[in-house]
Amino acid sequence: MKNILVLCTGNICRSPTAHFLLQKELGEDYVVKSAGVAALVDHPADAMSIAIAKNNGLDISSHRAMQINVDLLRWADLILVMEMGHVEYLHEHYPWLKGKVFRYGDPSQVDIPDPYRRPESAFIMAWKFIEKFTSHWVDFIKNSKK
């Protein structure tokens, strides 16, 4: 399991944060990408997401949003999404993905709330959720045989 894809809706808040955190923790033996189910294609990460990440020692300023596509979904060994709605969307439109799609908050059975167009506190909460669950996914990925 070397190719990890992280998805959210617009690919400017939650998934870029998780993408860069996972890449930092997994190291260069793994490739992490992120995309959106309704991406704001080529947009940078939201300014508040960039600021929160920077305050926590992570630079996500190079991120540019991508839309999911079949090639990207096939490339991924593991797909991590932010909400149960994303799981349902992927299973409905791409039923062959069953078994490789997981919700980032699955360890606690929670969605990662979308902070887009919300106050700074929503971005901080999303960061905390993503940061909390990243170690679970790093362990899961490193301990998976593939």
C-alpha atoms as a PDB file:
ATOM      1  CA  MET A   1       0.000   0.000   0.000  1.00  0.00           C
ATOM      2  CA  LYS A   2       2.045   2.874  -1.340  1.00  0.00           C
ATOM      3  CA  ASN A   3      -0.438   5.182  -3.117  1.00  0.00           C
ATOM      4  CA  ILE A   4      -2.801   7.058  -0.819  1.00  0.00           C
ATOM      5  CA  LEU A   5      -5.591   9.361  -1.982  1.00  0.00           C
ATOM      6  CA  VAL A   6      -7.385  11.736   0.388  1.00  0.00           C
ATOM      7  CA  LEU A   7     -10.727  13.186  -0.702  1.00  0.00           C
ATOM      8  CA  CYS A   8     -13.074  15.882   0.483  1.00  0.00           C
ATOM      9  CA  THR A   9     -15.548  18.095  -1.336  1.00  0.00           C
ATOM     10  CA  GLY A  10     -13.655  21.085  -2.759  1.00  0.00           C
ATOM     11  CA  ASN A  11     -10.089  19.896  -2.103  1.00  0.00           C
ATOM     12  CA  ILE A  12      -9.086  23.202  -0.509  1.00  0.00           C
ATOM     13  CA  CYS A  13      -9.550  22.663   3.254  1.00  0.00           C
ATOM     14  CA  ARG A  14      -9.657  19.176   4.754  1.00  0.00           C
ATOM     15  CA  SER A  15      -8.068  16.879   2.187  1.00  0.00           C
ATOM     16  CA  PRO A  16      -5.001  19.064   1.526  1.00  0.00           C
ATOM     17  CA  THR A  17      -4.390  19.230   5.275  1.00  0.00           C
ATOM     18  CA  ALA A  18      -4.637  15.448   5.628  1.00  0.00           C
ATOM     19  CA  HIS A  19      -2.625  14.936   2.427  1.00  0.00           C
ATOM     20  CA  PHE A  20       0.340  16.973   3.652  1.00  0.00           C
ATOM     21  CA  LEU A  21       0.173  15.611   7.216  1.00  0.00           C
ATOM     22  CA  LEU A  22       0.098  12.020   5.970  1.00  0.00           C
ATOM     23  CA  GLN A  23       2.941  12.635   3.533  1.00  0.00           C
ATOM     24  CA  LYS A  24       5.043  14.185   6.287  1.00  0.00           C
ATOM     25  CA  GLU A  25       4.405  11.253   8.645  1.00  0.00           C
ATOM     26  CA  LEU A  26       4.691   8.466   6.048  1.00  0.00           C
ATOM     27  CA  GLY A  27       7.846   9.754   4.394  1.00  0.00           C
ATOM     28  CA  GLU A  28       9.077   9.462   0.841  1.00  0.00           C
ATOM     29  CA  ASP A  29       8.425   5.710   0.486  1.00  0.00           C
ATOM     30  CA  TYR A  30       4.735   6.594   0.041  1.00  0.00           C
ATOM     31  CA  VAL A  31       2.905   8.880  -2.371  1.00  0.00           C
ATOM     32  CA  VAL A  32      -0.045  10.848  -1.019  1.00  0.00           C
ATOM     33  CA  LYS A  33      -2.349  12.898  -3.231  1.00  0.00           C
ATOM     34  CA  SER A  34      -5.620  14.669  -2.601  1.00  0.00           C
ATOM     35  CA  ALA A  35      -8.632  15.589  -4.697  1.00  0.00           C
ATOM     36  CA  GLY A  36     -12.251  16.624  -4.395  1.00  0.00           C
ATOM     37  CA  VAL A  37     -15.584  15.184  -5.463  1.00  0.00           C
ATOM     38  CA  ALA A  38     -16.561  18.752  -6.464  1.00  0.00           C
ATOM     39  CA  ALA A  39     -13.105  20.320  -6.558  1.00  0.00           C
ATOM     40  CA  LEU A  40     -12.341  23.976  -7.031  1.00  0.00           C
ATOM     41  CA  VAL A  41      -9.826  22.929  -9.674  1.00  0.00           C
ATOM     42  CA  ASP A  42      -6.429  24.664  -9.554  1.00  0.00           C
ATOM     43  CA  HIS A  43      -7.374  26.749  -6.499  1.00  0.00           C
ATOM     44  CA  PRO A  44      -4.838  26.894  -3.683  1.00  0.00           C
ATOM     45  CA  ALA A  45      -5.739  25.639  -0.245  1.00  0.00           C
ATOM     46  CA  ASP A  46      -8.046  27.972   1.656  1.00  0.00           C
ATOM     47  CA  ALA A  47      -6.066  30.810   3.278  1.00  0.00           C
ATOM     48  CA  MET A  48      -7.310  29.798   6.730  1.00  0.00           C
ATOM     49  CA  SER A  49      -6.231  26.172   6.167  1.00  0.00           C
ATOM     50  CA  ILE A  50      -2.797  27.405   5.097  1.00  0.00           C
ATOM     51  CA  ALA A  51      -2.533  29.604   8.205  1.00  0.00           C
ATOM     52  CA  ILE A  52      -3.656  26.877  10.641  1.00  0.00           C
ATOM     53  CA  ALA A  53      -1.258  24.371   9.074  1.00  0.00           C
ATOM     54  CA  LYS A  54       1.595  26.902   9.189  1.00  0.00           C
ATOM     55  CA  ASN A  55       0.864  27.574  12.874  1.00  0.00           C
ATOM     56  CA  ASN A  56       1.315  23.839  13.391  1.00  0.00           C
ATOM     57  CA  GLY A  57       4.580  23.573  11.453  1.00  0.00           C
ATOM     58  CA  LEU A  58       3.168  22.355   8.144  1.00  0.00           C
ATOM     59  CA  ASP A  59       3.421  24.186   4.814  1.00  0.00           C
ATOM     60  CA  ILE A  60       0.506  23.382   2.484  1.00  0.00           C
ATOM     61  CA  SER A  61       0.842  26.534   0.369  1.00  0.00           C
ATOM     62  CA  SER A  62       1.952  24.610  -2.736  1.00  0.00           C
ATOM     63  CA  HIS A  63      -1.343  22.718  -2.940  1.00  0.00           C
ATOM     64  CA  ARG A  64      -3.605  23.084  -5.994  1.00  0.00           C
ATOM     65  CA  ALA A  65      -7.056  21.484  -6.031  1.00  0.00           C
ATOM     66  CA  MET A  66      -7.765  18.502  -8.297  1.00  0.00           C
ATOM     67  CA  GLN A  67     -11.020  16.825  -9.305  1.00  0.00           C
ATOM     68  CA  ILE A  68     -11.282  13.068  -8.798  1.00  0.00           C
ATOM     69  CA  ASN A  69     -11.152  10.981 -11.946  1.00  0.00           C
ATOM     70  CA  VAL A  70     -11.074   7.301 -12.785  1.00  0.00           C
ATOM     71  CA  ASP A  71      -7.299   7.222 -13.304  1.00  0.00           C
ATOM     72  CA  LEU A  72      -6.673   8.736  -9.877  1.00  0.00           C
ATOM     73  CA  LEU A  73      -9.131   6.344  -8.220  1.00  0.00           C
ATOM     74  CA  ARG A  74      -7.463   3.355  -9.915  1.00  0.00           C
ATOM     75  CA  TRP A  75      -4.006   4.635  -8.930  1.00  0.00           C
ATOM     76  CA  ALA A  76      -4.912   4.702  -5.234  1.00  0.00           C
ATOM     77  CA  ASP A  77      -4.319   1.679  -3.011  1.00  0.00           C
ATOM     78  CA  LEU A  78      -6.270   3.399  -0.235  1.00  0.00           C
ATOM     79  CA  ILE A  79      -8.818   6.216  -0.385  1.00  0.00           C
ATOM     80  CA  LEU A  80      -9.518   8.238   2.751  1.00  0.00           C
ATOM     81  CA  VAL A  81     -12.562  10.529   2.727  1.00  0.00           C
ATOM     82  CA  MET A  82     -13.827  13.103   5.177  1.00  0.00           C
ATOM     83  CA  GLU A  83     -17.545  12.261   5.409  1.00  0.00           C
ATOM     84  CA  MET A  84     -19.861   9.288   5.152  1.00  0.00           C
ATOM     85  CA  GLY A  85     -21.496  11.122   2.236  1.00  0.00           C
ATOM     86  CA  HIS A  86     -18.217  10.853   0.344  1.00  0.00           C
ATOM     87  CA  VAL A  87     -18.120   7.091   0.981  1.00  0.00           C
ATOM     88  CA  GLU A  88     -21.677   6.764  -0.308  1.00  0.00           C
ATOM     89  CA  TYR A  89     -20.932   8.906  -3.370  1.00  0.00           C
ATOM     90  CA  LEU A  90     -17.888   6.832  -4.311  1.00  0.00           C
ATOM     91  CA  HIS A  91     -19.663   3.502  -3.774  1.00  0.00           C
ATOM     92  CA  GLU A  92     -22.624   4.669  -5.854  1.00  0.00           C
ATOM     93  CA  HIS A  93     -20.582   6.051  -8.766  1.00  0.00           C
ATOM     94  CA  TYR A  94     -17.591   3.690  -8.581  1.00  0.00           C
ATOM     95  CA  PRO A  95     -18.808   0.426  -6.980  1.00  0.00           C
ATOM     96  CA  TRP A  96     -15.488  -1.262  -7.774  1.00  0.00           C
ATOM     97  CA  LEU A  97     -13.872   0.899  -5.049  1.00  0.00           C
ATOM     98  CA  LYS A  98     -15.576  -1.017  -2.219  1.00  0.00           C
ATOM     99  CA  GLY A  99     -12.965  -2.259   0.214  1.00  0.00           C
ATOM    100  CA  LYS A 100     -10.467   0.536  -0.345  1.00  0.00           C
ATOM    101  CA  VAL A 101     -12.519   3.567   0.759  1.00  0.00           C
ATOM    102  CA  PHE A 102     -12.455   4.564   4.440  1.00  0.00           C
ATOM    103  CA  ARG A 103     -13.601   7.613   6.348  1.00  0.00           C
ATOM    104  CA  TYR A 104     -10.723   9.531   7.965  1.00  0.00           C
ATOM    105  CA  GLY A 105     -12.665   9.695  11.227  1.00  0.00           C
ATOM    106  CA  ASP A 106     -13.517   5.967  11.256  1.00  0.00           C
ATOM    107  CA  PRO A 107     -11.455   5.296  14.406  1.00  0.00           C
ATOM    108  CA  SER A 108     -14.113   7.288  16.313  1.00  0.00           C
ATOM    109  CA  GLN A 109     -16.951   6.861  13.784  1.00  0.00           C
ATOM    110  CA  VAL A 110     -17.105  10.595  13.019  1.00  0.00           C
ATOM    111  CA  ASP A 111     -17.109  12.822   9.974  1.00  0.00           C
ATOM    112  CA  ILE A 112     -14.512  15.585   9.749  1.00  0.00           C
ATOM    113  CA  PRO A 113     -16.715  18.708   9.553  1.00  0.00           C
ATOM    114  CA  ASP A 114     -16.190  20.969   6.555  1.00  0.00           C
ATOM    115  CA  PRO A 115     -14.847  24.358   7.692  1.00  0.00           C
ATOM    116  CA  TYR A 116     -15.306  26.042   4.293  1.00  0.00           C
ATOM    117  CA  ARG A 117     -16.750  29.570   4.640  1.00  0.00           C
ATOM    118  CA  ARG A 118     -16.969  29.146   8.391  1.00  0.00           C
ATOM    119  CA  PRO A 119     -15.115  30.912  11.228  1.00  0.00           C
ATOM    120  CA  GLU A 120     -11.523  30.204  12.192  1.00  0.00           C
ATOM    121  CA  SER A 121     -12.721  27.958  15.022  1.00  0.00           C
ATOM    122  CA  ALA A 122     -14.166  25.537  12.433  1.00  0.00           C
ATOM    123  CA  PHE A 123     -10.770  25.309  10.704  1.00  0.00           C
ATOM    124  CA  ILE A 124      -9.043  24.692  14.027  1.00  0.00           C
ATOM    125  CA  MET A 125     -11.541  21.943  14.848  1.00  0.00           C
ATOM    126  CA  ALA A 126     -10.997  20.299  11.439  1.00  0.00           C
ATOM    127  CA  TRP A 127      -7.209  20.490  11.953  1.00  0.00           C
ATOM    128  CA  LYS A 128      -7.510  18.857  15.388  1.00  0.00           C
ATOM    129  CA  PHE A 129      -9.654  16.014  14.053  1.00  0.00           C
ATOM    130  CA  ILE A 130      -7.309  15.380  11.129  1.00  0.00           C
ATOM    131  CA  GLU A 131      -4.215  15.577  13.316  1.00  0.00           C
ATOM    132  CA  LYS A 132      -5.774  13.193  15.849  1.00  0.00           C
ATOM    133  CA  PHE A 133      -6.584  10.497  13.280  1.00  0.00           C
ATOM    134  CA  THR A 134      -3.427  10.785  11.163  1.00  0.00           C
ATOM    135  CA  SER A 135      -1.376   8.510  13.440  1.00  0.00           C
ATOM    136  CA  HIS A 136      -4.060   5.796  13.117  1.00  0.00           C
ATOM    137  CA  TRP A 137      -3.842   5.902   9.311  1.00  0.00           C
ATOM    138  CA  VAL A 138      -0.040   6.016   9.311  1.00  0.00           C
ATOM    139  CA  ASP A 139       0.005   2.827  11.431  1.00  0.00           C
ATOM    140  CA  PHE A 140      -2.688   1.217   9.257  1.00  0.00           C
ATOM    141  CA  ILE A 141      -0.812   2.014   6.037  1.00  0.00           C
ATOM    142  CA  LYS A 142       2.611   0.958   7.303  1.00  0.00           C
ATOM    143  CA  ASN A 143       1.232  -2.284   8.719  1.00  0.00           C
ATOM    144  CA  SER A 144      -0.726  -3.223   5.589  1.00  0.00           C
ATOM    145  CA  LYS A 145       0.752  -5.794   3.276  1.00  0.00           C
ATOM    146  CA  LYS A 146       0.454  -4.904  -0.388  1.00  0.00           C
END
